[in-house]
Amino acid sequence: MGSSSSRLNSGSLQSKGGCWQNKLRFVTYDGNNVTEEDYNASDLHSLKEKEGFDEPILEVQALKSSLFENQTSKSVFYHMFIVFSTRSWHWSIEKDAGTITLQRSRNKCDVKSKLCGQPRKEKKDLIKNVEVASRFSIAKKMLDIVDLCDSYHVLRSNCKKFGREVYKILTGNKLT
């Protein structure tokens, strides 16, 4: 897996903005049930065996949400995440100060409006749904995405930088 393996296995790193746990949290919504599983680099091969990872990605959307309630300045300070859809599932992926979270549900509202089963703060589209010209599967792009898993830094390696890079990997386009 190259450099991502060493980064994911390097243990907790204290950095600006939080304590990086070097893991990918996988969340599945099934009606009212929410399951969470944590994966490190050596576990990722089993994650790609789960249902839906072989389906082609059909559309991608970039969204932002407020960092806290009643936030007044939302143009500069916000949390960014990516939502994408396959034939059977809707997915979201994002980075925070501790982990990378990958969610899936058959209901798009779950991954857009919730994070690990909890309601998101106010959210807004950065870019409307974009159809993906190249129909590749999540499993094919997972290694590229995992390669972005380095420790969190509030300025150099945050949710916005991660979101822009994931968007480019999934669509081939830069997010402005």
N, C-alpha and C. Protein backbone atom coordinates (compact mmCIF):
# COMPACT_ATOMS: atom_id res chain seq x y z
N MET A 1 0.80 -1.20 0.00
CA MET A 1 0.00 0.00 0.00
C MET A 1 0.84 1.25 0.00
N GLY A 2 2.11 1.14 0.00
CA GLY A 2 2.97 2.30 -0.07
C GLY A 2 2.94 3.12 1.20
N SER A 3 2.99 4.43 1.01
CA SER A 3 3.12 5.34 2.15
C SER A 3 1.89 5.35 3.04
N SER A 4 0.72 4.99 2.52
CA SER A 4 -0.48 5.01 3.37
C SER A 4 -0.38 3.98 4.49
N SER A 5 0.26 2.84 4.23
CA SER A 5 0.37 1.83 5.27
C SER A 5 1.13 2.36 6.47
N SER A 6 2.25 3.00 6.22
CA SER A 6 3.04 3.50 7.33
C SER A 6 2.31 4.62 8.05
N ARG A 7 1.59 5.44 7.33
CA ARG A 7 0.87 6.52 7.98
C ARG A 7 -0.29 5.98 8.81
N LEU A 8 -1.01 5.00 8.28
CA LEU A 8 -2.13 4.46 9.02
C LEU A 8 -1.68 3.65 10.22
N ASN A 9 -0.50 3.07 10.17
CA ASN A 9 -0.04 2.23 11.26
C ASN A 9 0.88 2.95 12.24
N SER A 10 1.08 4.25 12.08
CA SER A 10 2.06 4.94 12.89
C SER A 10 1.57 5.30 14.29
N GLY A 11 0.37 4.90 14.67
CA GLY A 11 -0.13 5.21 16.01
C GLY A 11 -0.75 6.58 16.07
N SER A 12 -1.22 6.97 17.22
CA SER A 12 -1.86 8.27 17.37
C SER A 12 -0.84 9.39 17.29
N LEU A 13 -1.19 10.42 16.56
CA LEU A 13 -0.33 11.58 16.41
C LEU A 13 -1.08 12.80 16.91
N GLN A 14 -0.47 13.56 17.79
CA GLN A 14 -1.08 14.81 18.24
C GLN A 14 -0.74 15.87 17.20
N SER A 15 -1.72 16.58 16.70
CA SER A 15 -1.49 17.62 15.70
C SER A 15 -2.44 18.77 15.95
N LYS A 16 -2.23 19.84 15.24
CA LYS A 16 -3.08 21.02 15.40
C LYS A 16 -4.52 20.64 15.09
N GLY A 17 -5.40 20.71 16.06
CA GLY A 17 -6.81 20.44 15.81
C GLY A 17 -7.32 19.14 16.38
N GLY A 18 -6.47 18.26 16.88
CA GLY A 18 -6.99 17.03 17.45
C GLY A 18 -5.96 15.93 17.50
N CYS A 19 -6.39 14.76 17.88
CA CYS A 19 -5.51 13.60 17.99
C CYS A 19 -5.86 12.62 16.87
N TRP A 20 -4.98 12.50 15.91
CA TRP A 20 -5.20 11.63 14.75
C TRP A 20 -5.09 10.18 15.18
N GLN A 21 -6.13 9.38 14.86
CA GLN A 21 -6.19 7.98 15.27
C GLN A 21 -5.76 7.01 14.18
N ASN A 22 -5.45 7.50 13.00
CA ASN A 22 -4.97 6.65 11.90
C ASN A 22 -5.90 5.49 11.59
N LYS A 23 -7.17 5.79 11.43
CA LYS A 23 -8.10 4.72 11.07
C LYS A 23 -9.19 5.26 10.16
N LEU A 24 -9.84 4.33 9.48
CA LEU A 24 -11.00 4.64 8.68
C LEU A 24 -12.20 4.05 9.40
N ARG A 25 -13.17 4.89 9.70
CA ARG A 25 -14.40 4.44 10.33
C ARG A 25 -15.43 4.20 9.23
N PHE A 26 -15.99 2.99 9.20
CA PHE A 26 -16.99 2.62 8.20
C PHE A 26 -18.34 2.51 8.89
N VAL A 27 -19.30 3.33 8.43
CA VAL A 27 -20.63 3.41 9.04
C VAL A 27 -21.66 2.96 8.01
N THR A 28 -22.54 2.04 8.41
CA THR A 28 -23.62 1.58 7.55
C THR A 28 -24.96 1.87 8.22
N TYR A 29 -25.87 2.48 7.46
CA TYR A 29 -27.24 2.73 7.92
C TYR A 29 -28.14 1.68 7.29
N ASP A 30 -28.93 1.03 8.12
CA ASP A 30 -29.90 0.04 7.67
C ASP A 30 -31.20 0.34 8.40
N GLY A 31 -32.05 1.16 7.80
CA GLY A 31 -33.25 1.63 8.49
C GLY A 31 -32.85 2.46 9.69
N ASN A 32 -33.31 2.06 10.88
CA ASN A 32 -32.96 2.79 12.10
C ASN A 32 -31.67 2.28 12.74
N ASN A 33 -31.07 1.24 12.18
CA ASN A 33 -29.83 0.67 12.74
C ASN A 33 -28.61 1.34 12.12
N VAL A 34 -27.64 1.65 12.96
CA VAL A 34 -26.38 2.23 12.53
C VAL A 34 -25.26 1.34 13.07
N THR A 35 -24.41 0.84 12.18
CA THR A 35 -23.26 0.05 12.63
C THR A 35 -21.98 0.79 12.26
N GLU A 36 -21.01 0.75 13.16
CA GLU A 36 -19.71 1.38 12.94
C GLU A 36 -18.62 0.33 13.08
N GLU A 37 -17.68 0.35 12.15
CA GLU A 37 -16.53 -0.54 12.20
C GLU A 37 -15.29 0.29 11.92
N ASP A 38 -14.19 0.01 12.61
CA ASP A 38 -12.95 0.72 12.40
C ASP A 38 -11.96 -0.17 11.66
N TYR A 39 -11.23 0.41 10.71
CA TYR A 39 -10.26 -0.32 9.90
C TYR A 39 -8.93 0.41 9.91
N ASN A 40 -7.84 -0.35 9.95
CA ASN A 40 -6.52 0.23 9.71
C ASN A 40 -6.02 -0.33 8.38
N ALA A 41 -4.80 0.01 7.99
CA ALA A 41 -4.29 -0.35 6.67
C ALA A 41 -4.34 -1.86 6.42
N SER A 42 -4.02 -2.66 7.41
CA SER A 42 -4.00 -4.11 7.20
C SER A 42 -5.40 -4.69 7.07
N ASP A 43 -6.42 -3.95 7.49
CA ASP A 43 -7.80 -4.42 7.41
C ASP A 43 -8.52 -4.01 6.13
N LEU A 44 -7.96 -3.08 5.36
CA LEU A 44 -8.70 -2.49 4.25
C LEU A 44 -9.10 -3.50 3.18
N HIS A 45 -8.31 -4.55 2.99
CA HIS A 45 -8.68 -5.54 1.99
C HIS A 45 -10.04 -6.17 2.32
N SER A 46 -10.35 -6.37 3.59
CA SER A 46 -11.65 -6.95 3.96
C SER A 46 -12.78 -5.93 3.79
N LEU A 47 -12.50 -4.68 3.96
CA LEU A 47 -13.51 -3.64 3.75
C LEU A 47 -13.96 -3.65 2.29
N LYS A 48 -13.02 -3.82 1.37
CA LYS A 48 -13.37 -3.79 -0.05
C LYS A 48 -14.18 -5.01 -0.48
N GLU A 49 -14.26 -6.03 0.36
CA GLU A 49 -15.06 -7.21 0.05
C GLU A 49 -16.53 -7.02 0.41
N LYS A 50 -16.86 -5.96 1.11
CA LYS A 50 -18.25 -5.73 1.53
C LYS A 50 -19.12 -5.36 0.33
N GLU A 51 -20.40 -5.66 0.47
CA GLU A 51 -21.37 -5.39 -0.58
C GLU A 51 -21.32 -3.93 -1.02
N GLY A 52 -21.32 -3.72 -2.32
CA GLY A 52 -21.41 -2.38 -2.87
C GLY A 52 -20.09 -1.77 -3.31
N PHE A 53 -18.96 -2.30 -2.83
CA PHE A 53 -17.67 -1.72 -3.18
C PHE A 53 -17.28 -1.99 -4.63
N ASP A 54 -17.94 -2.96 -5.26
CA ASP A 54 -17.62 -3.26 -6.66
C ASP A 54 -18.51 -2.49 -7.63
N GLU A 55 -19.46 -1.71 -7.12
CA GLU A 55 -20.37 -0.95 -7.99
C GLU A 55 -19.71 0.31 -8.51
N PRO A 56 -20.03 0.69 -9.75
CA PRO A 56 -19.46 1.93 -10.29
C PRO A 56 -20.06 3.17 -9.62
N ILE A 57 -19.23 4.18 -9.46
CA ILE A 57 -19.68 5.46 -8.92
C ILE A 57 -20.36 6.21 -10.06
N LEU A 58 -21.59 6.68 -9.81
CA LEU A 58 -22.39 7.31 -10.84
C LEU A 58 -22.42 8.84 -10.74
N GLU A 59 -22.43 9.36 -9.52
CA GLU A 59 -22.45 10.82 -9.35
C GLU A 59 -21.77 11.20 -8.05
N VAL A 60 -21.28 12.43 -8.02
CA VAL A 60 -20.52 12.94 -6.88
C VAL A 60 -21.00 14.34 -6.56
N GLN A 61 -21.02 14.67 -5.28
CA GLN A 61 -21.46 15.97 -4.81
C GLN A 61 -20.57 16.42 -3.66
N ALA A 62 -20.17 17.68 -3.64
CA ALA A 62 -19.40 18.25 -2.53
C ALA A 62 -20.35 19.09 -1.68
N LEU A 63 -20.29 18.90 -0.35
CA LEU A 63 -21.15 19.64 0.56
C LEU A 63 -20.34 20.25 1.68
N LYS A 64 -20.92 21.24 2.34
CA LYS A 64 -20.29 21.82 3.52
C LYS A 64 -21.33 21.94 4.61
N SER A 65 -20.86 21.89 5.85
CA SER A 65 -21.75 22.07 6.99
C SER A 65 -21.08 23.01 7.98
N SER A 66 -21.90 23.62 8.81
CA SER A 66 -21.39 24.53 9.83
C SER A 66 -20.52 23.76 10.81
N LEU A 67 -19.57 24.45 11.39
CA LEU A 67 -18.70 23.84 12.41
C LEU A 67 -19.39 23.79 13.76
N PHE A 68 -20.28 24.75 14.03
CA PHE A 68 -20.99 24.79 15.29
C PHE A 68 -22.32 25.52 15.11
N GLU A 69 -23.21 25.37 16.08
CA GLU A 69 -24.54 25.99 16.02
C GLU A 69 -24.43 27.51 15.95
N ASN A 70 -25.36 28.14 15.28
CA ASN A 70 -25.45 29.61 15.18
C ASN A 70 -24.16 30.24 14.69
N GLN A 71 -23.46 29.57 13.80
CA GLN A 71 -22.22 30.10 13.24
C GLN A 71 -22.56 31.22 12.26
N THR A 72 -21.89 32.35 12.38
CA THR A 72 -22.18 33.48 11.50
C THR A 72 -21.30 33.49 10.25
N SER A 73 -20.04 33.18 10.37
CA SER A 73 -19.12 33.18 9.23
C SER A 73 -19.02 31.78 8.65
N LYS A 74 -19.76 31.53 7.55
CA LYS A 74 -19.78 30.19 6.96
C LYS A 74 -19.05 30.13 5.62
N SER A 75 -18.59 31.27 5.12
CA SER A 75 -17.92 31.25 3.83
C SER A 75 -16.48 30.77 3.93
N VAL A 76 -15.83 30.97 5.07
CA VAL A 76 -14.45 30.56 5.25
C VAL A 76 -14.35 29.36 6.19
N PHE A 77 -15.13 29.38 7.27
CA PHE A 77 -15.05 28.34 8.30
C PHE A 77 -16.22 27.37 8.14
N TYR A 78 -15.91 26.17 7.66
CA TYR A 78 -16.94 25.14 7.48
C TYR A 78 -16.27 23.77 7.40
N HIS A 79 -17.08 22.73 7.56
CA HIS A 79 -16.64 21.35 7.39
C HIS A 79 -17.05 20.89 6.01
N MET A 80 -16.15 20.26 5.26
CA MET A 80 -16.45 19.79 3.92
C MET A 80 -16.50 18.27 3.89
N PHE A 81 -17.48 17.74 3.14
CA PHE A 81 -17.55 16.29 2.94
C PHE A 81 -18.07 16.01 1.54
N ILE A 82 -17.82 14.80 1.06
CA ILE A 82 -18.19 14.38 -0.29
C ILE A 82 -19.25 13.29 -0.20
N VAL A 83 -20.29 13.43 -1.00
CA VAL A 83 -21.35 12.42 -1.11
C VAL A 83 -21.29 11.86 -2.54
N PHE A 84 -21.35 10.55 -2.67
CA PHE A 84 -21.38 9.95 -4.00
C PHE A 84 -22.35 8.77 -4.00
N SER A 85 -22.81 8.43 -5.19
CA SER A 85 -23.84 7.39 -5.33
C SER A 85 -23.40 6.31 -6.30
N THR A 86 -23.78 5.08 -5.97
CA THR A 86 -23.62 3.94 -6.86
C THR A 86 -25.03 3.44 -7.18
N ARG A 87 -25.13 2.35 -7.88
CA ARG A 87 -26.45 1.82 -8.25
C ARG A 87 -27.30 1.51 -7.01
N SER A 88 -26.72 0.91 -5.99
CA SER A 88 -27.49 0.45 -4.83
C SER A 88 -27.31 1.27 -3.56
N TRP A 89 -26.24 2.09 -3.50
CA TRP A 89 -25.89 2.76 -2.25
C TRP A 89 -25.61 4.24 -2.46
N HIS A 90 -25.75 4.99 -1.40
CA HIS A 90 -25.29 6.37 -1.32
C HIS A 90 -24.20 6.38 -0.26
N TRP A 91 -23.15 7.15 -0.49
CA TRP A 91 -21.95 7.14 0.35
C TRP A 91 -21.57 8.57 0.71
N SER A 92 -20.87 8.73 1.83
CA SER A 92 -20.19 9.99 2.12
C SER A 92 -18.82 9.65 2.68
N ILE A 93 -17.88 10.55 2.44
CA ILE A 93 -16.53 10.39 2.99
C ILE A 93 -16.04 11.75 3.44
N GLU A 94 -15.36 11.76 4.59
CA GLU A 94 -14.86 13.01 5.15
C GLU A 94 -13.76 12.74 6.15
N LYS A 95 -13.03 13.79 6.43
CA LYS A 95 -11.92 13.71 7.38
C LYS A 95 -12.21 14.69 8.51
N ASP A 96 -11.94 14.25 9.74
CA ASP A 96 -12.01 15.18 10.88
C ASP A 96 -10.69 15.07 11.63
N ALA A 97 -10.62 15.66 12.79
CA ALA A 97 -9.37 15.70 13.55
C ALA A 97 -8.91 14.33 14.01
N GLY A 98 -9.78 13.32 13.99
CA GLY A 98 -9.41 12.00 14.49
C GLY A 98 -9.36 10.90 13.45
N THR A 99 -10.28 10.90 12.49
CA THR A 99 -10.41 9.77 11.57
C THR A 99 -10.88 10.22 10.20
N ILE A 100 -10.89 9.26 9.29
CA ILE A 100 -11.60 9.39 8.03
C ILE A 100 -12.86 8.56 8.21
N THR A 101 -14.01 9.12 7.86
CA THR A 101 -15.28 8.40 8.00
C THR A 101 -15.88 8.16 6.62
N LEU A 102 -16.19 6.89 6.33
CA LEU A 102 -16.88 6.48 5.12
C LEU A 102 -18.22 5.92 5.55
N GLN A 103 -19.31 6.52 5.04
CA GLN A 103 -20.67 6.07 5.40
C GLN A 103 -21.36 5.56 4.15
N ARG A 104 -22.32 4.64 4.35
CA ARG A 104 -23.16 4.21 3.23
C ARG A 104 -24.56 3.95 3.75
N SER A 105 -25.53 4.15 2.86
CA SER A 105 -26.94 3.90 3.15
C SER A 105 -27.69 3.77 1.83
N ARG A 106 -28.82 3.12 1.89
CA ARG A 106 -29.69 3.07 0.70
C ARG A 106 -30.49 4.36 0.59
N ASN A 107 -30.51 5.15 1.66
CA ASN A 107 -31.22 6.43 1.72
C ASN A 107 -30.20 7.57 1.70
N LYS A 108 -30.18 8.35 0.65
CA LYS A 108 -29.19 9.42 0.49
C LYS A 108 -29.24 10.42 1.65
N CYS A 109 -30.42 10.65 2.19
CA CYS A 109 -30.58 11.59 3.29
C CYS A 109 -29.73 11.19 4.50
N ASP A 110 -29.56 9.89 4.74
CA ASP A 110 -28.76 9.43 5.87
C ASP A 110 -27.33 9.95 5.79
N VAL A 111 -26.68 9.79 4.64
CA VAL A 111 -25.27 10.18 4.54
C VAL A 111 -25.09 11.69 4.38
N LYS A 112 -26.11 12.37 3.88
CA LYS A 112 -26.03 13.82 3.76
C LYS A 112 -26.36 14.53 5.07
N SER A 113 -27.30 13.99 5.82
CA SER A 113 -27.82 14.69 7.00
C SER A 113 -27.31 14.16 8.33
N LYS A 114 -26.54 13.06 8.30
CA LYS A 114 -26.06 12.46 9.55
C LYS A 114 -24.57 12.15 9.45
N LEU A 115 -23.94 12.13 10.60
CA LEU A 115 -22.56 11.66 10.72
C LEU A 115 -22.52 10.70 11.90
N CYS A 116 -22.24 9.44 11.62
CA CYS A 116 -22.23 8.38 12.64
C CYS A 116 -23.54 8.36 13.42
N GLY A 117 -24.66 8.54 12.71
CA GLY A 117 -25.98 8.46 13.31
C GLY A 117 -26.49 9.74 13.95
N GLN A 118 -25.63 10.74 14.08
CA GLN A 118 -26.02 12.02 14.70
C GLN A 118 -26.33 13.05 13.62
N PRO A 119 -27.34 13.91 13.85
CA PRO A 119 -27.65 14.93 12.84
C PRO A 119 -26.48 15.89 12.61
N ARG A 120 -26.28 16.24 11.35
CA ARG A 120 -25.27 17.24 11.02
C ARG A 120 -25.83 18.62 11.33
N LYS A 121 -24.93 19.55 11.53
CA LYS A 121 -25.35 20.95 11.64
C LYS A 121 -25.78 21.39 10.25
N GLU A 122 -26.26 22.58 10.12
CA GLU A 122 -26.74 23.11 8.84
C GLU A 122 -25.78 22.72 7.71
N LYS A 123 -26.34 22.24 6.59
CA LYS A 123 -25.49 21.84 5.46
C LYS A 123 -25.92 22.57 4.19
N LYS A 124 -24.99 22.67 3.26
CA LYS A 124 -25.24 23.38 2.01
C LYS A 124 -24.40 22.74 0.91
N ASP A 125 -24.96 22.67 -0.31
CA ASP A 125 -24.22 22.15 -1.44
C ASP A 125 -23.12 23.12 -1.84
N LEU A 126 -21.93 22.63 -2.04
CA LEU A 126 -20.88 23.42 -2.68
C LEU A 126 -21.01 23.26 -4.19
N ILE A 127 -21.24 22.02 -4.61
CA ILE A 127 -21.43 21.70 -6.03
C ILE A 127 -22.57 20.70 -6.12
N LYS A 128 -23.51 20.96 -6.99
CA LYS A 128 -24.62 20.04 -7.20
C LYS A 128 -24.09 18.71 -7.72
N ASN A 129 -24.96 17.72 -7.80
CA ASN A 129 -24.54 16.40 -8.29
C ASN A 129 -23.86 16.52 -9.64
N VAL A 130 -22.73 15.85 -9.78
CA VAL A 130 -21.99 15.81 -11.02
C VAL A 130 -21.92 14.35 -11.45
N GLU A 131 -22.42 14.07 -12.65
CA GLU A 131 -22.31 12.70 -13.16
C GLU A 131 -20.85 12.41 -13.45
N VAL A 132 -20.44 11.18 -13.18
CA VAL A 132 -19.05 10.79 -13.38
C VAL A 132 -18.93 10.13 -14.75
N ALA A 133 -18.04 10.66 -15.58
CA ALA A 133 -17.87 10.15 -16.93
C ALA A 133 -17.23 8.77 -16.92
N SER A 134 -16.22 8.59 -16.10
CA SER A 134 -15.53 7.31 -16.00
C SER A 134 -16.21 6.49 -14.91
N ARG A 135 -16.77 5.36 -15.24
CA ARG A 135 -17.54 4.55 -14.29
C ARG A 135 -16.65 3.55 -13.55
N PHE A 136 -15.85 4.01 -12.63
CA PHE A 136 -14.99 3.12 -11.86
C PHE A 136 -15.65 2.83 -10.53
N SER A 137 -15.19 1.74 -9.88
CA SER A 137 -15.80 1.32 -8.62
C SER A 137 -15.09 1.97 -7.44
N ILE A 138 -15.76 1.96 -6.30
CA ILE A 138 -15.19 2.47 -5.07
C ILE A 138 -13.93 1.69 -4.72
N ALA A 139 -13.98 0.36 -4.88
CA ALA A 139 -12.84 -0.48 -4.54
C ALA A 139 -11.60 -0.07 -5.35
N LYS A 140 -11.77 0.27 -6.63
CA LYS A 140 -10.64 0.68 -7.46
C LYS A 140 -10.03 1.98 -6.97
N LYS A 141 -10.82 2.87 -6.39
CA LYS A 141 -10.33 4.18 -5.96
C LYS A 141 -10.00 4.23 -4.47
N MET A 142 -10.30 3.17 -3.73
CA MET A 142 -10.09 3.18 -2.28
C MET A 142 -8.61 3.39 -1.93
N LEU A 143 -7.70 2.75 -2.65
CA LEU A 143 -6.28 2.93 -2.34
C LEU A 143 -5.84 4.37 -2.57
N ASP A 144 -6.35 5.01 -3.62
CA ASP A 144 -6.01 6.41 -3.85
C ASP A 144 -6.53 7.29 -2.72
N ILE A 145 -7.73 6.99 -2.25
CA ILE A 145 -8.32 7.78 -1.16
C ILE A 145 -7.57 7.53 0.14
N VAL A 146 -7.26 6.27 0.42
CA VAL A 146 -6.54 5.94 1.66
C VAL A 146 -5.16 6.58 1.66
N ASP A 147 -4.58 6.77 0.49
CA ASP A 147 -3.28 7.42 0.41
C ASP A 147 -3.32 8.87 0.93
N LEU A 148 -4.52 9.43 1.06
CA LEU A 148 -4.68 10.78 1.59
C LEU A 148 -4.71 10.80 3.12
N CYS A 149 -4.64 9.63 3.73
CA CYS A 149 -4.77 9.49 5.18
C CYS A 149 -3.50 9.88 5.91
N ASP A 150 -3.22 11.16 5.99
CA ASP A 150 -2.13 11.55 6.87
C ASP A 150 -2.71 12.33 8.03
N SER A 151 -1.90 12.59 9.02
CA SER A 151 -2.41 13.19 10.25
C SER A 151 -3.11 14.51 9.98
N TYR A 152 -4.04 14.83 10.83
CA TYR A 152 -4.83 16.05 10.71
C TYR A 152 -4.00 17.26 11.14
N HIS A 153 -4.10 18.30 10.37
CA HIS A 153 -3.54 19.60 10.75
C HIS A 153 -4.58 20.64 10.33
N VAL A 154 -4.92 21.53 11.23
CA VAL A 154 -6.00 22.48 11.01
C VAL A 154 -5.79 23.32 9.74
N LEU A 155 -4.56 23.56 9.33
CA LEU A 155 -4.30 24.35 8.13
C LEU A 155 -3.83 23.52 6.93
N ARG A 156 -2.94 22.56 7.15
CA ARG A 156 -2.30 21.86 6.04
C ARG A 156 -2.97 20.56 5.63
N SER A 157 -3.71 19.93 6.50
CA SER A 157 -4.30 18.63 6.19
C SER A 157 -5.64 18.51 6.90
N ASN A 158 -6.62 19.24 6.39
CA ASN A 158 -7.93 19.33 7.04
C ASN A 158 -9.03 18.75 6.15
N CYS A 159 -10.27 18.91 6.59
CA CYS A 159 -11.42 18.35 5.86
C CYS A 159 -11.57 18.97 4.46
N LYS A 160 -11.26 20.25 4.30
CA LYS A 160 -11.40 20.90 2.99
C LYS A 160 -10.37 20.36 2.00
N LYS A 161 -9.13 20.26 2.43
CA LYS A 161 -8.09 19.73 1.55
C LYS A 161 -8.42 18.28 1.17
N PHE A 162 -8.81 17.47 2.15
CA PHE A 162 -9.19 16.09 1.90
C PHE A 162 -10.37 16.02 0.94
N GLY A 163 -11.41 16.81 1.18
CA GLY A 163 -12.59 16.81 0.32
C GLY A 163 -12.26 17.17 -1.12
N ARG A 164 -11.44 18.19 -1.31
CA ARG A 164 -11.05 18.59 -2.67
C ARG A 164 -10.27 17.48 -3.38
N GLU A 165 -9.37 16.82 -2.65
CA GLU A 165 -8.59 15.75 -3.25
C GLU A 165 -9.46 14.53 -3.58
N VAL A 166 -10.38 14.17 -2.69
CA VAL A 166 -11.30 13.05 -2.97
C VAL A 166 -12.18 13.39 -4.17
N TYR A 167 -12.70 14.61 -4.21
CA TYR A 167 -13.53 15.04 -5.34
C TYR A 167 -12.77 14.88 -6.66
N LYS A 168 -11.51 15.28 -6.66
CA LYS A 168 -10.69 15.18 -7.88
C LYS A 168 -10.47 13.71 -8.25
N ILE A 169 -10.20 12.85 -7.25
CA ILE A 169 -10.01 11.43 -7.52
C ILE A 169 -11.28 10.81 -8.12
N LEU A 170 -12.46 11.18 -7.59
CA LEU A 170 -13.71 10.56 -8.02
C LEU A 170 -14.24 11.12 -9.34
N THR A 171 -13.98 12.41 -9.62
CA THR A 171 -14.55 13.03 -10.82
C THR A 171 -13.53 13.34 -11.89
N GLY A 172 -12.26 13.47 -11.51
CA GLY A 172 -11.24 13.91 -12.45
C GLY A 172 -11.21 15.42 -12.59
N ASN A 173 -12.06 16.11 -11.85
CA ASN A 173 -12.15 17.58 -11.93
C ASN A 173 -11.70 18.22 -10.62
N LYS A 174 -11.16 19.43 -10.74
CA LYS A 174 -10.79 20.20 -9.56
C LYS A 174 -12.03 20.87 -8.99
N LEU A 175 -12.09 20.94 -7.69
CA LEU A 175 -13.16 21.64 -6.99
C LEU A 175 -12.64 23.04 -6.68
N THR A 176 -13.31 24.05 -7.18
CA THR A 176 -12.83 25.42 -6.98
C THR A 176 -13.37 26.02 -5.71
